[in-house]
Amino acid sequence: MTYRPVPAARVVFTDDERREILELVDASLASGSLTLGPQTAAFEDAFAIRHAAPHAIAVSSGTSALEIILRALGVTGRDVVVPTNTFYATAGAVAHAGATPRLADVSRDTMALSADSVAAALTTETAAVVLVHIGGMITPEADAIRALCDRHGVALIEDAAHAHGSSYDGRPAGSFGHAAAFSFYPTKVVTSGEGGMILTADEALRDEARVYRDQGKSGFLGGDHVRLGYAWRMSEVHAAIGRTHLGRLDHAIDVRNRVAARYDKALGGHALITPLRVPDACVSNYYKYVAFLDSGIARDGLKHDLRERSGVGLSGEVYALPLHRQPVFAALADRAFPVADDICGRHICLPTHSDMTDDEADHVIDSLMAAIDRGTKVDRGTAKEDRGTKEGSPRA
């Protein structure tokens, strides 16, 4: 087999985009406006328009976006429901905002919260629920979860760190909750190097977010400190990068969907690998392409085989360890989370790049099939034992 390396992730900027960024950065340097200036405002406006949101607030990261939303909603001293299948930052932002993360199990079909799992986690102390759009897919239960939250007087927040440009039934990510947080970390479909964005239709939340992001000041050019804010601003340099990269979002989604369709066709009906099905009404940006392995396949062995023999790097899982298995959140594991334990332990993410070629996708497919044929399928009992040793056995 021809050795053509395919990395787990690839940050894509065209020559024209790099020139545009340099021109925008040069204009910022010449003007002396390096933070909360015209580049930030232009990026906010463009991102809000693309996601049909009334207000956008640029901040320093997706994590700070979540924490600002939570602080603006006044969750301190209360509970916030988060899926146990999510990145550390989702629950970390809750804790840093002075609330207690309340973990909930997820749906096997979407890897996200379901209305039933949210209902099971709600208490009289619940202030908010964070719905995470895993891998860029919006769950069909988003409206049901919002309706449940509304009945209980609980705010719904979208963790849309993965979901730039994704939609469900024609409605973009960021339009299902009271507010949404996006990340522009380098691996994301849209990146600014580092940075994040808050989307909301709530003018009061918008105003609070602008105060929190700038050290809690009542105004950028002066004013009293009225909130315990932080240095959560986005620089003009980062805004210039993000504003430019946003311009290729639709093209990136088209490329990633083409790659996903190729993967779907190759893996459809395979006995040992089952792709995560994206609902018909959902347009995913395929930040991640998720597939579930048969319980007899050792994930670590498969990943090593693909990397060493074929130069194929699998993307990071979403997620290899659920939050209740993370040492920092061990105290939150007050019950069993059987679905999360199962899906976190046996899925892989095939690489999807915003400039990926058909040849690269075919190389990934051929390499994956060859790796399985070479004998990466092991005794089912051994695979389960290995996974239990690494990730811990489910709590009773």
Protein backbone atom coordinates (compact mmCIF):
# COMPACT_ATOMS: atom_id res chain seq x y z
CA MET A 1 0.00 0.00 0.00
CA THR A 2 1.25 3.49 -0.83
CA TYR A 3 2.28 5.43 2.26
CA ARG A 4 0.49 8.79 2.13
CA PRO A 5 0.31 10.36 5.58
CA VAL A 6 -3.08 11.76 6.60
CA PRO A 7 -2.81 13.72 9.85
CA ALA A 8 -5.48 13.69 12.54
CA ALA A 9 -6.12 17.40 11.96
CA ARG A 10 -4.99 20.05 9.52
CA VAL A 11 -5.39 23.82 9.81
CA VAL A 12 -6.20 25.24 6.36
CA PHE A 13 -5.54 28.79 5.16
CA THR A 14 -5.17 29.55 1.45
CA ASP A 15 -2.52 31.91 0.10
CA ASP A 16 -5.19 34.57 -0.49
CA GLU A 17 -6.49 34.19 3.06
CA ARG A 18 -3.03 34.55 4.54
CA ARG A 19 -2.46 37.73 2.51
CA GLU A 20 -5.82 39.12 3.64
CA ILE A 21 -4.99 38.40 7.29
CA LEU A 22 -1.61 40.09 6.98
CA GLU A 23 -3.25 43.18 5.50
CA LEU A 24 -5.83 43.34 8.28
CA VAL A 25 -3.17 42.84 10.97
CA ASP A 26 -1.01 45.52 9.38
CA ALA A 27 -3.95 47.93 9.44
CA SER A 28 -4.48 47.20 13.12
CA LEU A 29 -0.81 47.74 13.92
CA ALA A 30 -0.79 50.99 11.98
CA SER A 31 -3.90 52.27 13.77
CA GLY A 32 -2.76 51.21 17.22
CA SER A 33 -6.16 49.59 17.87
CA LEU A 34 -5.20 46.13 19.10
CA THR A 35 -8.16 45.00 21.16
CA LEU A 36 -11.95 45.46 20.99
CA GLY A 37 -11.58 47.46 17.80
CA PRO A 38 -12.99 47.36 14.26
CA GLN A 39 -11.72 43.83 13.48
CA THR A 40 -13.50 42.43 16.53
CA ALA A 41 -16.71 44.27 15.64
CA ALA A 42 -16.56 43.05 12.03
CA PHE A 43 -15.98 39.45 13.14
CA GLU A 44 -18.88 39.65 15.59
CA ASP A 45 -21.20 41.03 12.92
CA ALA A 46 -20.23 38.42 10.33
CA PHE A 47 -20.53 35.52 12.76
CA ALA A 48 -23.93 36.70 13.99
CA ILE A 49 -25.22 37.04 10.42
CA ARG A 50 -23.95 33.59 9.41
CA HIS A 51 -25.77 32.02 12.38
CA ALA A 52 -28.91 34.21 12.21
CA ALA A 53 -28.28 35.56 15.70
CA PRO A 54 -29.14 39.09 16.86
CA HIS A 55 -26.02 39.54 19.00
CA ALA A 56 -22.46 38.19 19.01
CA ILE A 57 -19.78 38.90 21.60
CA ALA A 58 -16.18 37.90 20.82
CA VAL A 59 -14.11 36.62 23.74
CA SER A 60 -10.78 34.94 24.45
CA SER A 61 -11.88 31.28 24.22
CA GLY A 62 -14.82 28.92 24.04
CA THR A 63 -14.32 28.18 27.72
CA SER A 64 -14.55 31.85 28.69
CA ALA A 65 -17.64 32.15 26.48
CA LEU A 66 -19.35 29.45 28.56
CA GLU A 67 -18.28 30.92 31.88
CA ILE A 68 -19.41 34.40 30.91
CA ILE A 69 -22.85 33.09 29.90
CA LEU A 70 -23.16 31.19 33.16
CA ARG A 71 -22.11 34.19 35.24
CA ALA A 72 -24.48 36.48 33.35
CA LEU A 73 -27.34 34.05 34.07
CA GLY A 74 -26.54 34.06 37.79
CA VAL A 75 -25.94 30.34 38.35
CA THR A 76 -23.63 30.81 41.37
CA GLY A 77 -24.54 28.51 44.24
CA ARG A 78 -26.86 26.37 42.14
CA ASP A 79 -26.66 23.26 39.90
CA VAL A 80 -26.03 23.15 36.16
CA VAL A 81 -26.77 19.97 34.21
CA VAL A 82 -24.00 18.94 31.79
CA PRO A 83 -23.56 15.72 29.81
CA THR A 84 -20.93 13.40 31.20
CA ASN A 85 -19.80 12.89 27.60
CA THR A 86 -18.15 16.26 26.99
CA PHE A 87 -14.83 18.06 27.24
CA TYR A 88 -13.49 19.20 30.61
CA ALA A 89 -14.22 22.85 29.81
CA THR A 90 -18.01 22.38 29.85
CA ALA A 91 -18.05 21.34 33.49
CA GLY A 92 -14.95 23.41 34.32
CA ALA A 93 -16.74 26.61 33.29
CA VAL A 94 -19.67 25.67 35.52
CA ALA A 95 -17.39 25.15 38.52
CA HIS A 96 -15.46 28.38 37.87
CA ALA A 97 -18.76 30.25 37.66
CA GLY A 98 -19.49 29.11 41.21
CA ALA A 99 -22.07 26.43 40.37
CA THR A 100 -22.06 22.66 40.77
CA PRO A 101 -21.97 20.48 37.63
CA ARG A 102 -24.74 17.89 37.70
CA LEU A 103 -23.78 15.08 35.33
CA ALA A 104 -26.32 13.42 33.03
CA ASP A 105 -26.05 10.41 30.76
CA VAL A 106 -26.44 10.75 27.01
CA SER A 107 -28.28 9.25 24.06
CA ARG A 108 -26.67 6.38 22.20
CA ASP A 109 -28.00 7.80 18.92
CA THR A 110 -26.53 11.29 19.24
CA MET A 111 -23.87 11.10 22.00
CA ALA A 112 -25.67 14.18 23.40
CA LEU A 113 -28.21 14.86 26.12
CA SER A 114 -31.75 13.61 25.64
CA ALA A 115 -34.94 15.01 27.13
CA ASP A 116 -35.17 11.93 29.35
CA SER A 117 -31.60 12.19 30.63
CA VAL A 118 -32.07 15.90 31.37
CA ALA A 119 -35.36 15.22 33.19
CA ALA A 120 -33.61 12.62 35.34
CA ALA A 121 -30.92 15.14 36.34
CA LEU A 122 -33.12 18.17 37.11
CA THR A 123 -33.52 19.24 40.74
CA THR A 124 -35.06 22.20 42.51
CA GLU A 125 -31.55 23.70 42.54
CA THR A 126 -31.02 23.52 38.77
CA ALA A 127 -30.29 26.89 37.20
CA ALA A 128 -29.27 25.83 33.68
CA VAL A 129 -28.68 22.95 31.29
CA VAL A 130 -25.76 22.85 28.85
CA LEU A 131 -26.52 21.03 25.59
CA VAL A 132 -23.33 20.03 23.76
CA HIS A 133 -23.45 19.56 19.97
CA ILE A 134 -21.03 16.65 19.73
CA GLY A 135 -18.88 16.56 16.60
CA GLY A 136 -21.01 19.23 14.91
CA MET A 137 -24.31 17.31 15.08
CA ILE A 138 -27.40 18.92 16.60
CA THR A 139 -29.67 16.44 18.33
CA PRO A 140 -33.29 16.13 17.12
CA GLU A 141 -34.25 16.48 20.79
CA ALA A 142 -32.99 20.07 21.07
CA ASP A 143 -36.49 21.56 20.98
CA ALA A 144 -37.84 18.99 23.45
CA ILE A 145 -34.97 19.80 25.81
CA ARG A 146 -35.66 23.53 25.45
CA ALA A 147 -39.38 22.96 26.17
CA LEU A 148 -38.49 20.91 29.25
CA CYS A 149 -36.17 23.65 30.48
CA ASP A 150 -38.81 26.32 29.90
CA ARG A 151 -41.37 24.36 31.93
CA HIS A 152 -38.96 24.20 34.84
CA GLY A 153 -37.75 27.79 34.60
CA VAL A 154 -34.25 26.64 33.65
CA ALA A 155 -31.98 28.31 31.10
CA LEU A 156 -30.73 26.24 28.15
CA ILE A 157 -27.18 26.97 27.02
CA GLU A 158 -25.63 25.55 23.85
CA ASP A 159 -22.02 24.42 23.96
CA ALA A 160 -21.52 24.84 20.23
CA ALA A 161 -17.72 24.59 20.31
CA HIS A 162 -17.93 21.96 17.55
CA ALA A 163 -20.88 23.31 15.60
CA HIS A 164 -19.88 26.31 13.45
CA GLY A 165 -22.37 26.44 10.59
CA SER A 166 -24.25 23.30 11.64
CA SER A 167 -28.04 23.37 11.61
CA TYR A 168 -31.14 21.33 12.34
CA ASP A 169 -34.34 21.72 10.33
CA GLY A 170 -32.91 24.89 8.82
CA ARG A 171 -32.11 26.49 12.19
CA PRO A 172 -28.43 27.19 12.91
CA ALA A 173 -26.49 26.16 15.98
CA GLY A 174 -26.86 28.93 18.52
CA SER A 175 -30.61 29.40 17.98
CA PHE A 176 -31.93 26.67 20.30
CA GLY A 177 -31.02 28.05 23.72
CA HIS A 178 -30.84 31.30 25.67
CA ALA A 179 -27.22 31.68 24.56
CA ALA A 180 -24.50 29.67 22.83
CA ALA A 181 -20.73 29.42 23.17
CA PHE A 182 -18.44 28.73 20.20
CA SER A 183 -14.70 27.96 20.20
CA PHE A 184 -12.08 29.05 17.67
CA TYR A 185 -9.31 26.73 18.85
CA PRO A 186 -6.91 25.82 15.97
CA THR A 187 -8.54 22.45 15.21
CA LYS A 188 -12.06 23.89 14.85
CA VAL A 189 -13.80 24.31 11.49
CA VAL A 190 -13.41 28.07 11.98
CA THR A 191 -10.35 29.21 13.91
CA SER A 192 -8.92 32.50 15.07
CA GLY A 193 -5.88 30.81 16.63
CA GLU A 194 -7.44 31.23 20.07
CA GLY A 195 -10.82 32.75 20.81
CA GLY A 196 -14.51 32.21 21.31
CA MET A 197 -17.90 33.75 20.55
CA ILE A 198 -21.17 34.15 22.44
CA LEU A 199 -24.43 34.27 20.48
CA THR A 200 -27.69 35.38 22.06
CA ALA A 201 -30.97 37.13 21.36
CA ASP A 202 -31.06 38.48 24.92
CA GLU A 203 -29.93 42.13 25.04
CA ALA A 204 -29.40 42.05 28.80
CA LEU A 205 -27.15 38.99 28.50
CA ARG A 206 -25.28 40.68 25.65
CA ASP A 207 -24.61 43.72 27.79
CA GLU A 208 -23.50 41.62 30.77
CA ALA A 209 -21.16 39.60 28.55
CA ARG A 210 -19.46 42.76 27.29
CA VAL A 211 -18.88 43.85 30.90
CA TYR A 212 -17.57 40.47 32.04
CA ARG A 213 -15.12 40.10 29.15
CA ASP A 214 -13.36 43.38 29.98
CA GLN A 215 -12.43 43.01 33.67
CA GLY A 216 -16.00 43.74 34.78
CA LYS A 217 -15.83 47.40 33.70
CA SER A 218 -18.98 49.28 32.84
CA GLY A 219 -17.29 50.72 29.73
CA PHE A 220 -14.26 49.94 27.55
CA LEU A 221 -12.74 53.43 27.75
CA GLY A 222 -13.41 53.85 31.44
CA GLY A 223 -15.99 53.32 34.13
CA ASP A 224 -16.39 51.54 37.43
CA HIS A 225 -15.76 47.83 37.87
CA VAL A 226 -19.25 46.47 38.46
CA ARG A 227 -18.69 42.71 38.00
CA LEU A 228 -15.97 40.22 38.88
CA GLY A 229 -14.88 39.97 35.28
CA TYR A 230 -11.60 38.88 33.79
CA ALA A 231 -9.30 39.55 30.83
CA TRP A 232 -11.56 37.70 28.42
CA ARG A 233 -11.15 40.04 25.43
CA MET A 234 -10.33 38.94 21.89
CA SER A 235 -7.39 40.75 20.32
CA GLU A 236 -7.69 42.45 16.94
CA VAL A 237 -5.10 40.04 15.53
CA HIS A 238 -7.19 37.02 16.51
CA ALA A 239 -10.33 38.71 15.20
CA ALA A 240 -8.66 39.34 11.83
CA ILE A 241 -7.76 35.64 11.57
CA GLY A 242 -11.25 34.51 12.57
CA ARG A 243 -13.03 37.01 10.34
CA THR A 244 -11.06 35.80 7.34
CA HIS A 245 -11.38 32.10 8.14
CA LEU A 246 -15.15 32.46 8.61
CA GLY A 247 -15.31 33.29 4.92
CA ARG A 248 -14.43 29.71 3.99
CA LEU A 249 -16.93 28.08 6.37
CA ASP A 250 -19.48 27.03 3.75
CA HIS A 251 -16.76 25.60 1.50
CA ALA A 252 -15.27 23.73 4.46
CA ILE A 253 -18.65 22.22 5.35
CA ASP A 254 -19.16 21.11 1.74
CA VAL A 255 -15.76 19.39 1.68
CA ARG A 256 -16.29 17.69 5.02
CA ASN A 257 -19.74 16.46 3.98
CA ARG A 258 -18.28 15.04 0.77
CA VAL A 259 -15.66 13.15 2.80
CA ALA A 260 -18.31 11.95 5.26
CA ALA A 261 -20.45 10.63 2.40
CA ARG A 262 -17.44 8.68 1.16
CA TYR A 263 -16.90 7.21 4.61
CA ASP A 264 -20.61 6.40 4.95
CA LYS A 265 -20.62 4.48 1.67
CA ALA A 266 -17.50 2.48 2.56
CA LEU A 267 -18.56 1.64 6.11
CA GLY A 268 -22.26 1.11 5.52
CA GLY A 269 -23.23 -2.41 6.48
CA HIS A 270 -19.76 -3.28 7.83
CA ALA A 271 -19.97 -5.92 10.52
CA LEU A 272 -17.37 -4.39 12.82
CA ILE A 273 -17.79 -0.61 12.42
CA THR A 274 -21.00 1.43 12.61
CA PRO A 275 -20.98 5.13 11.68
CA LEU A 276 -22.86 7.54 13.90
CA ARG A 277 -25.92 8.41 11.83
CA VAL A 278 -26.60 12.10 11.31
CA PRO A 279 -30.38 12.78 11.25
CA ASP A 280 -31.84 13.72 7.88
CA ALA A 281 -32.90 17.17 9.10
CA CYS A 282 -29.42 17.93 10.43
CA VAL A 283 -26.64 19.55 8.42
CA SER A 284 -23.48 18.67 10.30
CA ASN A 285 -20.18 20.43 9.72
CA TYR A 286 -18.51 17.06 10.46
CA TYR A 287 -16.02 18.55 12.85
CA LYS A 288 -15.76 14.89 13.81
CA TYR A 289 -16.73 11.78 11.87
CA VAL A 290 -17.67 9.24 14.54
CA ALA A 291 -17.86 5.48 14.10
CA PHE A 292 -18.42 2.79 16.73
CA LEU A 293 -16.19 -0.25 16.89
CA ASP A 294 -17.33 -3.77 17.60
CA SER A 295 -16.57 -4.55 21.23
CA GLY A 296 -13.94 -7.06 20.11
CA ILE A 297 -11.70 -4.44 18.48
CA ALA A 298 -9.02 -2.86 20.64
CA ARG A 299 -9.11 0.87 19.86
CA ASP A 300 -5.55 1.64 20.93
CA GLY A 301 -4.17 -1.19 18.82
CA LEU A 302 -6.16 -0.06 15.80
CA LYS A 303 -4.97 3.53 16.14
CA HIS A 304 -1.35 2.41 16.50
CA ASP A 305 -1.63 0.15 13.46
CA LEU A 306 -3.09 2.94 11.31
CA ARG A 307 -0.50 5.46 12.41
CA GLU A 308 2.57 3.25 12.07
CA ARG A 309 1.69 1.24 8.96
CA SER A 310 -0.33 3.74 6.92
CA GLY A 311 0.43 7.19 8.29
CA VAL A 312 -3.23 7.75 9.15
CA GLY A 313 -3.89 9.70 12.33
CA LEU A 314 -7.32 9.32 13.89
CA SER A 315 -8.84 12.46 15.36
CA GLY A 316 -9.28 12.73 19.12
CA GLU A 317 -12.30 10.95 20.51
CA VAL A 318 -15.43 12.77 21.71
CA TYR A 319 -14.59 11.65 24.31
CA ALA A 320 -12.28 8.82 25.36
CA LEU A 321 -13.09 9.39 29.03
CA PRO A 322 -16.46 10.78 30.16
CA LEU A 323 -16.37 13.38 32.91
CA HIS A 324 -17.29 10.93 35.66
CA ARG A 325 -14.05 9.06 34.85
CA GLN A 326 -11.91 12.21 35.02
CA PRO A 327 -10.04 12.47 38.36
CA VAL A 328 -10.92 16.14 38.86
CA PHE A 329 -14.65 15.34 38.67
CA ALA A 330 -14.62 11.98 40.48
CA ALA A 331 -16.76 13.37 43.29
CA LEU A 332 -19.57 14.03 40.80
CA ALA A 333 -19.89 10.34 39.86
CA ASP A 334 -22.79 9.65 42.21
CA ARG A 335 -24.51 7.11 39.97
CA ALA A 336 -23.96 4.94 36.89
CA PHE A 337 -23.71 6.35 33.35
CA PRO A 338 -23.95 3.17 31.26
CA VAL A 339 -24.47 4.74 27.83
CA ALA A 340 -21.55 7.14 28.15
CA ASP A 341 -19.29 4.38 29.45
CA ASP A 342 -20.12 2.25 26.44
CA ILE A 343 -19.88 4.81 23.64
CA CYS A 344 -16.82 6.58 25.04
CA GLY A 345 -14.94 3.32 25.24
CA ARG A 346 -15.47 2.07 21.70
CA HIS A 347 -15.69 4.87 19.15
CA ILE A 348 -13.13 6.37 16.80
CA CYS A 349 -13.07 9.61 14.79
CA LEU A 350 -11.85 9.39 11.22
CA PRO A 351 -9.95 12.46 9.99
CA THR A 352 -11.94 15.15 8.20
CA HIS A 353 -10.09 18.19 6.87
CA SER A 354 -11.49 21.28 5.22
CA ASP A 355 -9.36 20.62 2.13
CA MET A 356 -9.38 16.81 2.20
CA THR A 357 -9.12 15.09 -1.16
CA ASP A 358 -10.95 11.99 -2.31
CA ASP A 359 -7.59 10.20 -2.53
CA GLU A 360 -6.88 10.98 1.11
CA ALA A 361 -10.33 9.78 2.17
CA ASP A 362 -9.88 6.58 0.17
CA HIS A 363 -6.48 6.05 1.78
CA VAL A 364 -8.09 6.31 5.22
CA ILE A 365 -10.79 3.82 4.22
CA ASP A 366 -8.36 1.33 2.65
CA SER A 367 -6.00 1.59 5.61
CA LEU A 368 -8.81 1.07 8.10
CA MET A 369 -10.07 -2.04 6.34
CA ALA A 370 -6.55 -3.42 6.04
CA ALA A 371 -5.86 -2.81 9.72
CA ILE A 372 -8.92 -4.83 10.66
CA ASP A 373 -7.97 -7.59 8.24
CA ARG A 374 -4.49 -7.79 9.75
CA GLY A 375 -5.98 -9.03 12.94
CA THR A 376 -6.79 -6.10 15.16
CA LYS A 377 -9.96 -7.92 16.16
CA VAL A 378 -9.18 -9.61 19.46
CA ASP A 379 -11.03 -11.79 21.89
CA ARG A 380 -14.11 -9.90 23.08
CA GLY A 381 -13.48 -10.67 26.71
CA THR A 382 -9.91 -9.38 26.49
CA ALA A 383 -11.03 -6.16 24.80
CA LYS A 384 -13.59 -5.49 27.51
CA GLU A 385 -11.06 -6.24 30.21
CA ASP A 386 -8.48 -3.91 28.63
CA ARG A 387 -11.00 -1.11 28.35
CA GLY A 388 -12.11 -1.59 31.93
CA THR A 389 -8.51 -1.46 33.15
CA LYS A 390 -7.83 1.77 31.29
CA GLU A 391 -11.08 3.61 31.91
CA GLY A 392 -12.49 1.96 35.00
CA SER A 393 -15.50 -0.28 35.32
CA PRO A 394 -18.99 1.20 35.57
CA ARG A 395 -20.08 2.18 39.05
CA ALA A 396 -22.90 0.22 40.62
